[in-house]
Amino acid sequence: MDSVNHFAVKETSQAAKKISEASNKGVAGEFKQFISRGSMIDMAVGVVMGSAVTAIVNSIVNNLISPLIAMIFGKPDLSGLLNITYRHATISFGAVLTALLNFFLIALAVYFCIIMPINKLRQISRAASGVKEEPGAPSTEDQTLQLLQQIAADIHSTRTDEGQGEHVADHPDQNQ
């Protein structure tokens, strides 16, 4: 009886291995790798969170900022202003102004209601954990630039060490 069970387990294991190998090949395997990457999950979470933030920002603009503008100026929507109609075609400068104003209001809402509080929380968190930023420390961009300059210098020194003949032959303008 044990030999029958052992044989069945072995056959099942071999079948599972064949199925696994087949699913890792070709388009199916590539798709499986694509779906299982961490970056795919991160991207999905980013899209979901982005839509949630969009709903919050739109609510702030539509229910708080636009009514305040309407209270001050009399109209929250300028799309009916500055219309030019000719041969049943309408050019609406007011609609463009409304879109620009909405963009500006959304940018303000994002900055003051999301970016500033998050930056404050990060500063408080850093202060609580005892991490101090050095005022003279180079920024990430400066560090990247320094690294790229060092790589370029290393490449240049490697080329000149390999021989002046090859280096000069690479740049015909330097032969003169």
N, C-alpha and C. Protein backbone atom coordinates (compact mmCIF):
# COMPACT_ATOMS: atom_id res chain seq x y z
N MET A 1 0.82 -1.18 0.00
CA MET A 1 0.00 0.00 0.00
C MET A 1 0.86 1.25 0.00
N ASP A 2 1.99 1.24 0.77
CA ASP A 2 2.88 2.38 0.81
C ASP A 2 3.52 2.64 -0.54
N SER A 3 3.80 1.56 -1.27
CA SER A 3 4.41 1.75 -2.59
C SER A 3 3.43 2.40 -3.55
N VAL A 4 2.13 2.12 -3.42
CA VAL A 4 1.12 2.73 -4.27
C VAL A 4 1.01 4.22 -3.94
N ASN A 5 0.98 4.55 -2.65
CA ASN A 5 0.93 5.95 -2.23
C ASN A 5 2.18 6.70 -2.68
N HIS A 6 3.33 6.07 -2.52
CA HIS A 6 4.59 6.69 -2.94
C HIS A 6 4.58 6.93 -4.44
N PHE A 7 4.07 5.96 -5.21
CA PHE A 7 3.99 6.11 -6.66
C PHE A 7 3.04 7.23 -7.05
N ALA A 8 1.89 7.33 -6.36
CA ALA A 8 0.91 8.38 -6.65
C ALA A 8 1.48 9.76 -6.32
N VAL A 9 2.19 9.86 -5.21
CA VAL A 9 2.80 11.13 -4.82
C VAL A 9 3.86 11.53 -5.84
N LYS A 10 4.65 10.57 -6.28
CA LYS A 10 5.70 10.83 -7.26
C LYS A 10 5.10 11.28 -8.59
N GLU A 11 4.05 10.60 -9.04
CA GLU A 11 3.37 10.98 -10.29
C GLU A 11 2.75 12.38 -10.18
N THR A 12 2.12 12.67 -9.06
CA THR A 12 1.51 13.98 -8.85
C THR A 12 2.58 15.06 -8.84
N SER A 13 3.68 14.78 -8.17
CA SER A 13 4.78 15.74 -8.11
C SER A 13 5.36 16.01 -9.49
N GLN A 14 5.53 14.97 -10.29
CA GLN A 14 6.05 15.14 -11.65
C GLN A 14 5.07 15.93 -12.53
N ALA A 15 3.77 15.67 -12.38
CA ALA A 15 2.76 16.39 -13.15
C ALA A 15 2.76 17.87 -12.76
N ALA A 16 2.86 18.15 -11.48
CA ALA A 16 2.89 19.54 -11.02
C ALA A 16 4.13 20.25 -11.54
N LYS A 17 5.25 19.55 -11.57
CA LYS A 17 6.49 20.13 -12.08
C LYS A 17 6.36 20.45 -13.56
N LYS A 18 5.75 19.55 -14.33
CA LYS A 18 5.55 19.79 -15.77
C LYS A 18 4.63 20.99 -16.00
N ILE A 19 3.58 21.10 -15.21
CA ILE A 19 2.64 22.22 -15.35
C ILE A 19 3.35 23.53 -15.00
N SER A 20 4.14 23.49 -13.94
CA SER A 20 4.89 24.69 -13.53
C SER A 20 5.88 25.11 -14.60
N GLU A 21 6.60 24.16 -15.17
CA GLU A 21 7.57 24.48 -16.23
C GLU A 21 6.86 25.04 -17.46
N ALA A 22 5.70 24.48 -17.81
CA ALA A 22 4.97 24.96 -18.98
C ALA A 22 4.44 26.38 -18.75
N SER A 23 4.02 26.68 -17.52
CA SER A 23 3.47 28.01 -17.25
C SER A 23 4.56 29.07 -17.12
N ASN A 24 5.81 28.67 -16.96
CA ASN A 24 6.90 29.62 -16.86
C ASN A 24 7.52 29.95 -18.21
N LYS A 25 7.03 29.34 -19.27
CA LYS A 25 7.59 29.56 -20.60
C LYS A 25 6.69 30.48 -21.40
N GLY A 26 7.29 31.21 -22.31
CA GLY A 26 6.54 32.01 -23.28
C GLY A 26 5.79 33.16 -22.66
N VAL A 27 4.71 33.51 -23.31
CA VAL A 27 3.90 34.65 -22.91
C VAL A 27 3.29 34.44 -21.53
N ALA A 28 2.85 33.23 -21.25
CA ALA A 28 2.23 32.95 -19.96
C ALA A 28 3.23 33.17 -18.83
N GLY A 29 4.45 32.73 -19.01
CA GLY A 29 5.49 32.91 -18.00
C GLY A 29 5.85 34.38 -17.82
N GLU A 30 5.96 35.10 -18.93
CA GLU A 30 6.26 36.53 -18.84
C GLU A 30 5.13 37.27 -18.13
N PHE A 31 3.87 36.91 -18.45
CA PHE A 31 2.74 37.55 -17.80
C PHE A 31 2.74 37.24 -16.30
N LYS A 32 3.05 36.00 -15.96
CA LYS A 32 3.11 35.60 -14.55
C LYS A 32 4.16 36.41 -13.80
N GLN A 33 5.33 36.61 -14.41
CA GLN A 33 6.38 37.43 -13.79
C GLN A 33 5.93 38.88 -13.68
N PHE A 34 5.28 39.40 -14.70
CA PHE A 34 4.81 40.78 -14.70
C PHE A 34 3.83 41.03 -13.56
N ILE A 35 2.87 40.12 -13.39
CA ILE A 35 1.86 40.27 -12.36
C ILE A 35 2.46 40.12 -10.96
N SER A 36 3.43 39.25 -10.80
CA SER A 36 3.96 38.96 -9.46
C SER A 36 5.04 39.94 -9.02
N ARG A 37 5.44 40.87 -9.87
CA ARG A 37 6.44 41.85 -9.46
C ARG A 37 5.87 42.76 -8.38
N GLY A 38 6.75 43.18 -7.49
CA GLY A 38 6.34 44.12 -6.45
C GLY A 38 5.96 45.46 -7.02
N SER A 39 6.63 45.88 -8.10
CA SER A 39 6.34 47.19 -8.66
C SER A 39 4.92 47.25 -9.22
N MET A 40 4.41 46.14 -9.70
CA MET A 40 3.03 46.11 -10.21
C MET A 40 2.05 46.35 -9.07
N ILE A 41 2.28 45.73 -7.94
CA ILE A 41 1.42 45.91 -6.79
C ILE A 41 1.52 47.36 -6.30
N ASP A 42 2.74 47.89 -6.25
CA ASP A 42 2.94 49.28 -5.82
C ASP A 42 2.20 50.23 -6.75
N MET A 43 2.26 49.96 -8.05
CA MET A 43 1.58 50.82 -9.02
C MET A 43 0.07 50.76 -8.81
N ALA A 44 -0.47 49.58 -8.56
CA ALA A 44 -1.91 49.45 -8.33
C ALA A 44 -2.33 50.21 -7.08
N VAL A 45 -1.55 50.09 -6.03
CA VAL A 45 -1.85 50.82 -4.80
C VAL A 45 -1.77 52.33 -5.06
N GLY A 46 -0.78 52.76 -5.85
CA GLY A 46 -0.65 54.18 -6.19
C GLY A 46 -1.85 54.70 -6.95
N VAL A 47 -2.36 53.91 -7.88
CA VAL A 47 -3.53 54.33 -8.66
C VAL A 47 -4.76 54.45 -7.75
N VAL A 48 -4.95 53.49 -6.88
CA VAL A 48 -6.10 53.53 -5.97
C VAL A 48 -5.98 54.73 -5.03
N MET A 49 -4.80 54.93 -4.46
CA MET A 49 -4.61 56.07 -3.56
C MET A 49 -4.73 57.39 -4.31
N GLY A 50 -4.24 57.43 -5.56
CA GLY A 50 -4.37 58.64 -6.36
C GLY A 50 -5.82 59.01 -6.61
N SER A 51 -6.66 58.02 -6.87
CA SER A 51 -8.08 58.32 -7.09
C SER A 51 -8.75 58.77 -5.79
N ALA A 52 -8.32 58.22 -4.66
CA ALA A 52 -8.87 58.66 -3.38
C ALA A 52 -8.47 60.10 -3.09
N VAL A 53 -7.22 60.44 -3.35
CA VAL A 53 -6.75 61.81 -3.14
C VAL A 53 -7.46 62.76 -4.10
N THR A 54 -7.68 62.32 -5.33
CA THR A 54 -8.39 63.14 -6.32
C THR A 54 -9.79 63.49 -5.80
N ALA A 55 -10.48 62.52 -5.22
CA ALA A 55 -11.82 62.78 -4.69
C ALA A 55 -11.76 63.81 -3.56
N ILE A 56 -10.75 63.72 -2.71
CA ILE A 56 -10.62 64.68 -1.60
C ILE A 56 -10.34 66.08 -2.14
N VAL A 57 -9.39 66.17 -3.06
CA VAL A 57 -9.02 67.48 -3.61
C VAL A 57 -10.18 68.10 -4.36
N ASN A 58 -10.88 67.31 -5.17
CA ASN A 58 -12.04 67.84 -5.90
C ASN A 58 -13.12 68.32 -4.93
N SER A 59 -13.32 67.61 -3.84
CA SER A 59 -14.30 68.03 -2.84
C SER A 59 -13.90 69.35 -2.20
N ILE A 60 -12.62 69.50 -1.88
CA ILE A 60 -12.15 70.76 -1.29
C ILE A 60 -12.36 71.92 -2.26
N VAL A 61 -12.02 71.70 -3.53
CA VAL A 61 -12.16 72.76 -4.53
C VAL A 61 -13.63 73.07 -4.78
N ASN A 62 -14.45 72.04 -5.01
CA ASN A 62 -15.86 72.25 -5.38
C ASN A 62 -16.73 72.72 -4.22
N ASN A 63 -16.43 72.26 -3.01
CA ASN A 63 -17.31 72.55 -1.88
C ASN A 63 -16.79 73.61 -0.93
N LEU A 64 -15.54 74.04 -1.11
CA LEU A 64 -14.97 75.03 -0.21
C LEU A 64 -14.43 76.24 -0.97
N ILE A 65 -13.50 76.00 -1.87
CA ILE A 65 -12.82 77.11 -2.53
C ILE A 65 -13.72 77.79 -3.57
N SER A 66 -14.37 77.02 -4.43
CA SER A 66 -15.25 77.62 -5.45
C SER A 66 -16.40 78.41 -4.85
N PRO A 67 -17.08 77.91 -3.81
CA PRO A 67 -18.12 78.75 -3.19
C PRO A 67 -17.57 80.04 -2.58
N LEU A 68 -16.35 79.97 -2.02
CA LEU A 68 -15.75 81.20 -1.51
C LEU A 68 -15.50 82.20 -2.63
N ILE A 69 -15.05 81.71 -3.77
CA ILE A 69 -14.84 82.59 -4.93
C ILE A 69 -16.17 83.16 -5.40
N ALA A 70 -17.22 82.33 -5.40
CA ALA A 70 -18.54 82.81 -5.80
C ALA A 70 -19.05 83.87 -4.84
N MET A 71 -18.76 83.74 -3.55
CA MET A 71 -19.17 84.74 -2.58
C MET A 71 -18.47 86.08 -2.81
N ILE A 72 -17.21 86.01 -3.22
CA ILE A 72 -16.41 87.22 -3.40
C ILE A 72 -16.69 87.87 -4.76
N PHE A 73 -16.64 87.08 -5.83
CA PHE A 73 -16.72 87.63 -7.19
C PHE A 73 -18.10 87.48 -7.84
N GLY A 74 -18.96 86.70 -7.26
CA GLY A 74 -20.30 86.55 -7.81
C GLY A 74 -20.47 85.34 -8.71
N LYS A 75 -19.39 84.79 -9.28
CA LYS A 75 -19.49 83.63 -10.18
C LYS A 75 -18.31 82.68 -9.94
N PRO A 76 -18.58 81.40 -9.69
CA PRO A 76 -17.46 80.45 -9.58
C PRO A 76 -17.05 79.89 -10.93
N ASP A 77 -17.95 80.04 -11.92
CA ASP A 77 -17.71 79.45 -13.24
C ASP A 77 -17.70 80.56 -14.28
N LEU A 78 -16.61 80.68 -15.01
CA LEU A 78 -16.46 81.73 -16.01
C LEU A 78 -16.74 81.24 -17.42
N SER A 79 -17.25 80.03 -17.58
CA SER A 79 -17.40 79.45 -18.92
C SER A 79 -18.41 80.20 -19.79
N GLY A 80 -19.31 80.97 -19.20
CA GLY A 80 -20.27 81.73 -19.99
C GLY A 80 -19.74 83.08 -20.45
N LEU A 81 -18.56 83.47 -19.99
CA LEU A 81 -17.97 84.76 -20.34
C LEU A 81 -17.07 84.64 -21.56
N LEU A 82 -16.93 85.73 -22.27
CA LEU A 82 -16.00 85.84 -23.38
C LEU A 82 -16.19 84.76 -24.44
N ASN A 83 -17.42 84.60 -24.87
CA ASN A 83 -17.72 83.62 -25.94
C ASN A 83 -17.80 84.34 -27.28
N ILE A 84 -17.21 83.74 -28.29
CA ILE A 84 -17.31 84.25 -29.66
C ILE A 84 -17.95 83.16 -30.50
N THR A 85 -19.07 83.48 -31.14
CA THR A 85 -19.76 82.50 -31.97
C THR A 85 -19.78 83.00 -33.40
N TYR A 86 -19.37 82.13 -34.30
CA TYR A 86 -19.36 82.45 -35.73
C TYR A 86 -19.68 81.17 -36.48
N ARG A 87 -20.72 81.21 -37.30
CA ARG A 87 -21.17 80.06 -38.10
C ARG A 87 -21.37 78.81 -37.24
N HIS A 88 -22.05 78.95 -36.19
CA HIS A 88 -22.41 77.87 -35.26
C HIS A 88 -21.20 77.24 -34.57
N ALA A 89 -20.06 77.91 -34.60
CA ALA A 89 -18.88 77.46 -33.86
C ALA A 89 -18.62 78.48 -32.76
N THR A 90 -18.39 77.99 -31.56
CA THR A 90 -18.20 78.88 -30.41
C THR A 90 -16.80 78.71 -29.84
N ILE A 91 -16.14 79.82 -29.70
CA ILE A 91 -14.85 79.85 -29.00
C ILE A 91 -15.14 80.44 -27.63
N SER A 92 -14.76 79.69 -26.57
CA SER A 92 -15.08 80.12 -25.21
C SER A 92 -13.79 80.35 -24.42
N PHE A 93 -13.41 81.61 -24.37
CA PHE A 93 -12.23 81.96 -23.56
C PHE A 93 -12.53 81.78 -22.08
N GLY A 94 -13.79 81.96 -21.70
CA GLY A 94 -14.19 81.78 -20.31
C GLY A 94 -14.01 80.35 -19.85
N ALA A 95 -14.30 79.40 -20.73
CA ALA A 95 -14.11 77.99 -20.36
C ALA A 95 -12.62 77.68 -20.14
N VAL A 96 -11.77 78.28 -20.97
CA VAL A 96 -10.33 78.09 -20.79
C VAL A 96 -9.89 78.73 -19.48
N LEU A 97 -10.39 79.93 -19.19
CA LEU A 97 -10.07 80.59 -17.92
C LEU A 97 -10.55 79.76 -16.73
N THR A 98 -11.74 79.17 -16.85
CA THR A 98 -12.25 78.31 -15.79
C THR A 98 -11.35 77.10 -15.58
N ALA A 99 -10.90 76.47 -16.67
CA ALA A 99 -9.99 75.32 -16.55
C ALA A 99 -8.68 75.73 -15.90
N LEU A 100 -8.14 76.88 -16.30
CA LEU A 100 -6.89 77.36 -15.69
C LEU A 100 -7.08 77.67 -14.20
N LEU A 101 -8.21 78.29 -13.88
CA LEU A 101 -8.51 78.60 -12.49
C LEU A 101 -8.68 77.32 -11.67
N ASN A 102 -9.38 76.34 -12.23
CA ASN A 102 -9.54 75.05 -11.53
C ASN A 102 -8.20 74.37 -11.31
N PHE A 103 -7.33 74.40 -12.32
CA PHE A 103 -6.00 73.82 -12.17
C PHE A 103 -5.26 74.50 -11.03
N PHE A 104 -5.28 75.83 -11.02
CA PHE A 104 -4.60 76.59 -9.99
C PHE A 104 -5.18 76.27 -8.61
N LEU A 105 -6.50 76.21 -8.51
CA LEU A 105 -7.14 75.90 -7.23
C LEU A 105 -6.81 74.49 -6.76
N ILE A 106 -6.80 73.54 -7.69
CA ILE A 106 -6.46 72.16 -7.32
C ILE A 106 -5.00 72.09 -6.86
N ALA A 107 -4.11 72.79 -7.57
CA ALA A 107 -2.70 72.82 -7.16
C ALA A 107 -2.56 73.41 -5.76
N LEU A 108 -3.28 74.50 -5.48
CA LEU A 108 -3.24 75.09 -4.14
C LEU A 108 -3.77 74.11 -3.09
N ALA A 109 -4.89 73.46 -3.40
CA ALA A 109 -5.47 72.51 -2.45
C ALA A 109 -4.51 71.35 -2.19
N VAL A 110 -3.89 70.83 -3.23
CA VAL A 110 -2.94 69.74 -3.05
C VAL A 110 -1.77 70.19 -2.19
N TYR A 111 -1.25 71.37 -2.48
CA TYR A 111 -0.09 71.84 -1.73
C TYR A 111 -0.42 72.09 -0.26
N PHE A 112 -1.48 72.88 -0.01
CA PHE A 112 -1.77 73.27 1.36
C PHE A 112 -2.47 72.19 2.17
N CYS A 113 -3.23 71.31 1.53
CA CYS A 113 -3.98 70.30 2.28
C CYS A 113 -3.31 68.93 2.31
N ILE A 114 -2.35 68.69 1.41
CA ILE A 114 -1.71 67.37 1.38
C ILE A 114 -0.20 67.47 1.57
N ILE A 115 0.46 68.23 0.71
CA ILE A 115 1.93 68.27 0.73
C ILE A 115 2.46 68.89 2.03
N MET A 116 1.94 70.07 2.40
CA MET A 116 2.43 70.72 3.62
C MET A 116 2.21 69.87 4.87
N PRO A 117 1.00 69.32 5.09
CA PRO A 117 0.84 68.48 6.29
C PRO A 117 1.74 67.24 6.28
N ILE A 118 1.92 66.62 5.12
CA ILE A 118 2.79 65.44 5.06
C ILE A 118 4.23 65.82 5.38
N ASN A 119 4.70 66.96 4.82
CA ASN A 119 6.06 67.42 5.12
C ASN A 119 6.22 67.73 6.60
N LYS A 120 5.21 68.35 7.21
CA LYS A 120 5.26 68.63 8.65
C LYS A 120 5.33 67.33 9.46
N LEU A 121 4.51 66.34 9.06
CA LEU A 121 4.55 65.05 9.76
C LEU A 121 5.92 64.40 9.64
N ARG A 122 6.53 64.50 8.44
CA ARG A 122 7.87 63.94 8.26
C ARG A 122 8.89 64.63 9.14
N GLN A 123 8.80 65.97 9.24
CA GLN A 123 9.72 66.71 10.09
C GLN A 123 9.54 66.32 11.55
N ILE A 124 8.29 66.20 11.99
CA ILE A 124 8.02 65.81 13.36
C ILE A 124 8.54 64.40 13.62
N SER A 125 8.33 63.51 12.66
CA SER A 125 8.79 62.12 12.79
C SER A 125 10.32 62.06 12.87
N ARG A 126 10.99 62.83 12.01
CA ARG A 126 12.46 62.87 12.06
C ARG A 126 12.95 63.43 13.38
N ALA A 127 12.30 64.48 13.86
CA ALA A 127 12.71 65.08 15.13
C ALA A 127 12.49 64.10 16.28
N ALA A 128 11.39 63.36 16.25
CA ALA A 128 11.09 62.40 17.31
C ALA A 128 12.06 61.23 17.28
N SER A 129 12.50 60.83 16.09
CA SER A 129 13.43 59.70 16.00
C SER A 129 14.87 60.11 16.21
N GLY A 130 15.12 61.40 16.30
CA GLY A 130 16.48 61.88 16.56
C GLY A 130 17.33 62.03 15.32
N VAL A 131 16.76 61.88 14.14
CA VAL A 131 17.50 62.05 12.90
C VAL A 131 17.62 63.53 12.63
N LYS A 132 18.86 64.00 12.49
CA LYS A 132 19.09 65.42 12.23
C LYS A 132 19.66 65.58 10.83
N GLU A 133 19.15 66.58 10.13
CA GLU A 133 19.67 66.88 8.81
C GLU A 133 20.81 67.88 8.96
N GLU A 134 21.92 67.60 8.32
CA GLU A 134 23.04 68.52 8.36
C GLU A 134 22.77 69.64 7.37
N PRO A 135 22.94 70.90 7.81
CA PRO A 135 22.65 72.01 6.90
C PRO A 135 23.58 72.07 5.70
N GLY A 136 24.82 71.60 5.84
CA GLY A 136 25.76 71.65 4.74
C GLY A 136 25.80 70.38 3.91
N ALA A 137 24.96 69.40 4.22
CA ALA A 137 24.97 68.12 3.51
C ALA A 137 24.44 68.31 2.09
N PRO A 138 25.11 67.67 1.11
CA PRO A 138 24.64 67.82 -0.27
C PRO A 138 23.30 67.12 -0.48
N SER A 139 22.49 67.69 -1.37
CA SER A 139 21.19 67.10 -1.66
C SER A 139 21.38 65.82 -2.48
N THR A 140 20.30 65.09 -2.65
CA THR A 140 20.34 63.86 -3.43
C THR A 140 20.75 64.15 -4.86
N GLU A 141 20.25 65.25 -5.42
CA GLU A 141 20.61 65.63 -6.79
C GLU A 141 22.10 65.93 -6.90
N ASP A 142 22.64 66.66 -5.88
CA ASP A 142 24.07 66.97 -5.89
C ASP A 142 24.91 65.70 -5.77
N GLN A 143 24.47 64.77 -4.93
CA GLN A 143 25.19 63.51 -4.78
C GLN A 143 25.18 62.72 -6.09
N THR A 144 24.03 62.70 -6.78
CA THR A 144 23.93 62.01 -8.06
C THR A 144 24.84 62.65 -9.09
N LEU A 145 24.85 63.98 -9.14
CA LEU A 145 25.71 64.70 -10.07
C LEU A 145 27.18 64.40 -9.79
N GLN A 146 27.58 64.39 -8.52
CA GLN A 146 28.96 64.07 -8.17
C GLN A 146 29.32 62.66 -8.59
N LEU A 147 28.41 61.72 -8.40
CA LEU A 147 28.67 60.34 -8.80
C LEU A 147 28.83 60.22 -10.30
N LEU A 148 27.95 60.88 -11.07
CA LEU A 148 28.06 60.85 -12.53
C LEU A 148 29.36 61.50 -13.00
N GLN A 149 29.78 62.59 -12.35
CA GLN A 149 31.05 63.23 -12.72
C GLN A 149 32.22 62.30 -12.42
N GLN A 150 32.15 61.58 -11.32
CA GLN A 150 33.22 60.63 -10.98
C GLN A 150 33.27 59.49 -11.99
N ILE A 151 32.11 58.99 -12.41
CA ILE A 151 32.07 57.92 -13.42
C ILE A 151 32.66 58.42 -14.72
N ALA A 152 32.28 59.64 -15.14
CA ALA A 152 32.83 60.21 -16.37
C ALA A 152 34.34 60.36 -16.28
N ALA A 153 34.84 60.81 -15.13
CA ALA A 153 36.29 60.95 -14.95
C ALA A 153 36.97 59.59 -15.00
N ASP A 154 36.36 58.57 -14.40
CA ASP A 154 36.93 57.22 -14.43
C ASP A 154 36.97 56.68 -15.86
N ILE A 155 35.92 56.90 -16.62
CA ILE A 155 35.89 56.45 -18.01
C ILE A 155 36.96 57.16 -18.82
N HIS A 156 37.09 58.47 -18.60
CA HIS A 156 38.10 59.24 -19.32
C HIS A 156 39.51 58.77 -18.97
N SER A 157 39.76 58.51 -17.69
CA SER A 157 41.10 58.06 -17.30
C SER A 157 41.37 56.66 -17.81
N THR A 158 40.34 55.80 -17.90
CA THR A 158 40.53 54.45 -18.44
C THR A 158 40.88 54.53 -19.92
N ARG A 159 40.22 55.40 -20.65
CA ARG A 159 40.52 55.55 -22.08
C ARG A 159 41.93 56.08 -22.30
N THR A 160 42.36 57.02 -21.49
CA THR A 160 43.70 57.57 -21.69
C THR A 160 44.76 56.58 -21.24
N ASP A 161 44.44 55.73 -20.25
CA ASP A 161 45.39 54.71 -19.80
C ASP A 161 45.55 53.60 -20.84
N GLU A 162 44.49 53.33 -21.64
CA GLU A 162 44.55 52.26 -22.64
C GLU A 162 45.51 52.61 -23.77
N GLY A 163 45.77 53.86 -23.95
CA GLY A 163 46.71 54.25 -25.00
C GLY A 163 46.24 55.50 -25.69
N GLN A 164 47.15 56.40 -25.89
CA GLN A 164 46.81 57.65 -26.55
C GLN A 164 46.40 57.43 -27.99
N GLY A 165 46.97 56.43 -28.65
CA GLY A 165 46.68 56.19 -30.06
C GLY A 165 45.21 55.89 -30.29
N GLU A 166 44.63 55.02 -29.46
CA GLU A 166 43.21 54.69 -29.61
C GLU A 166 42.35 55.89 -29.28
N HIS A 167 42.74 56.61 -28.24
CA HIS A 167 41.93 57.75 -27.80
C HIS A 167 41.91 58.84 -28.87
N VAL A 168 43.03 59.09 -29.49
CA VAL A 168 43.10 60.12 -30.53
C VAL A 168 42.34 59.66 -31.76
N ALA A 169 42.40 58.36 -32.06
CA ALA A 169 41.70 57.84 -33.23
C ALA A 169 40.18 57.95 -33.06
N ASP A 170 39.69 57.90 -31.80
CA ASP A 170 38.26 58.03 -31.57
C ASP A 170 37.76 59.42 -31.88
N HIS A 171 38.63 60.44 -31.78
CA HIS A 171 38.23 61.83 -31.99
C HIS A 171 39.08 62.43 -33.08
N PRO A 172 38.63 62.41 -34.36
CA PRO A 172 39.43 62.90 -35.47
C PRO A 172 39.75 64.39 -35.37
N ASP A 173 38.93 65.17 -34.67
CA ASP A 173 39.19 66.60 -34.55
C ASP A 173 40.46 66.88 -33.76
N GLN A 174 40.87 65.95 -32.90
CA GLN A 174 42.03 66.17 -32.06
C GLN A 174 43.32 65.85 -32.82
N ASN A 175 43.26 65.29 -34.01
CA ASN A 175 44.46 64.95 -34.78
C ASN A 175 45.14 66.17 -35.33
N GLN A 176 44.50 67.30 -35.41
CA GLN A 176 45.08 68.49 -36.03
C GLN A 176 46.04 69.19 -35.15
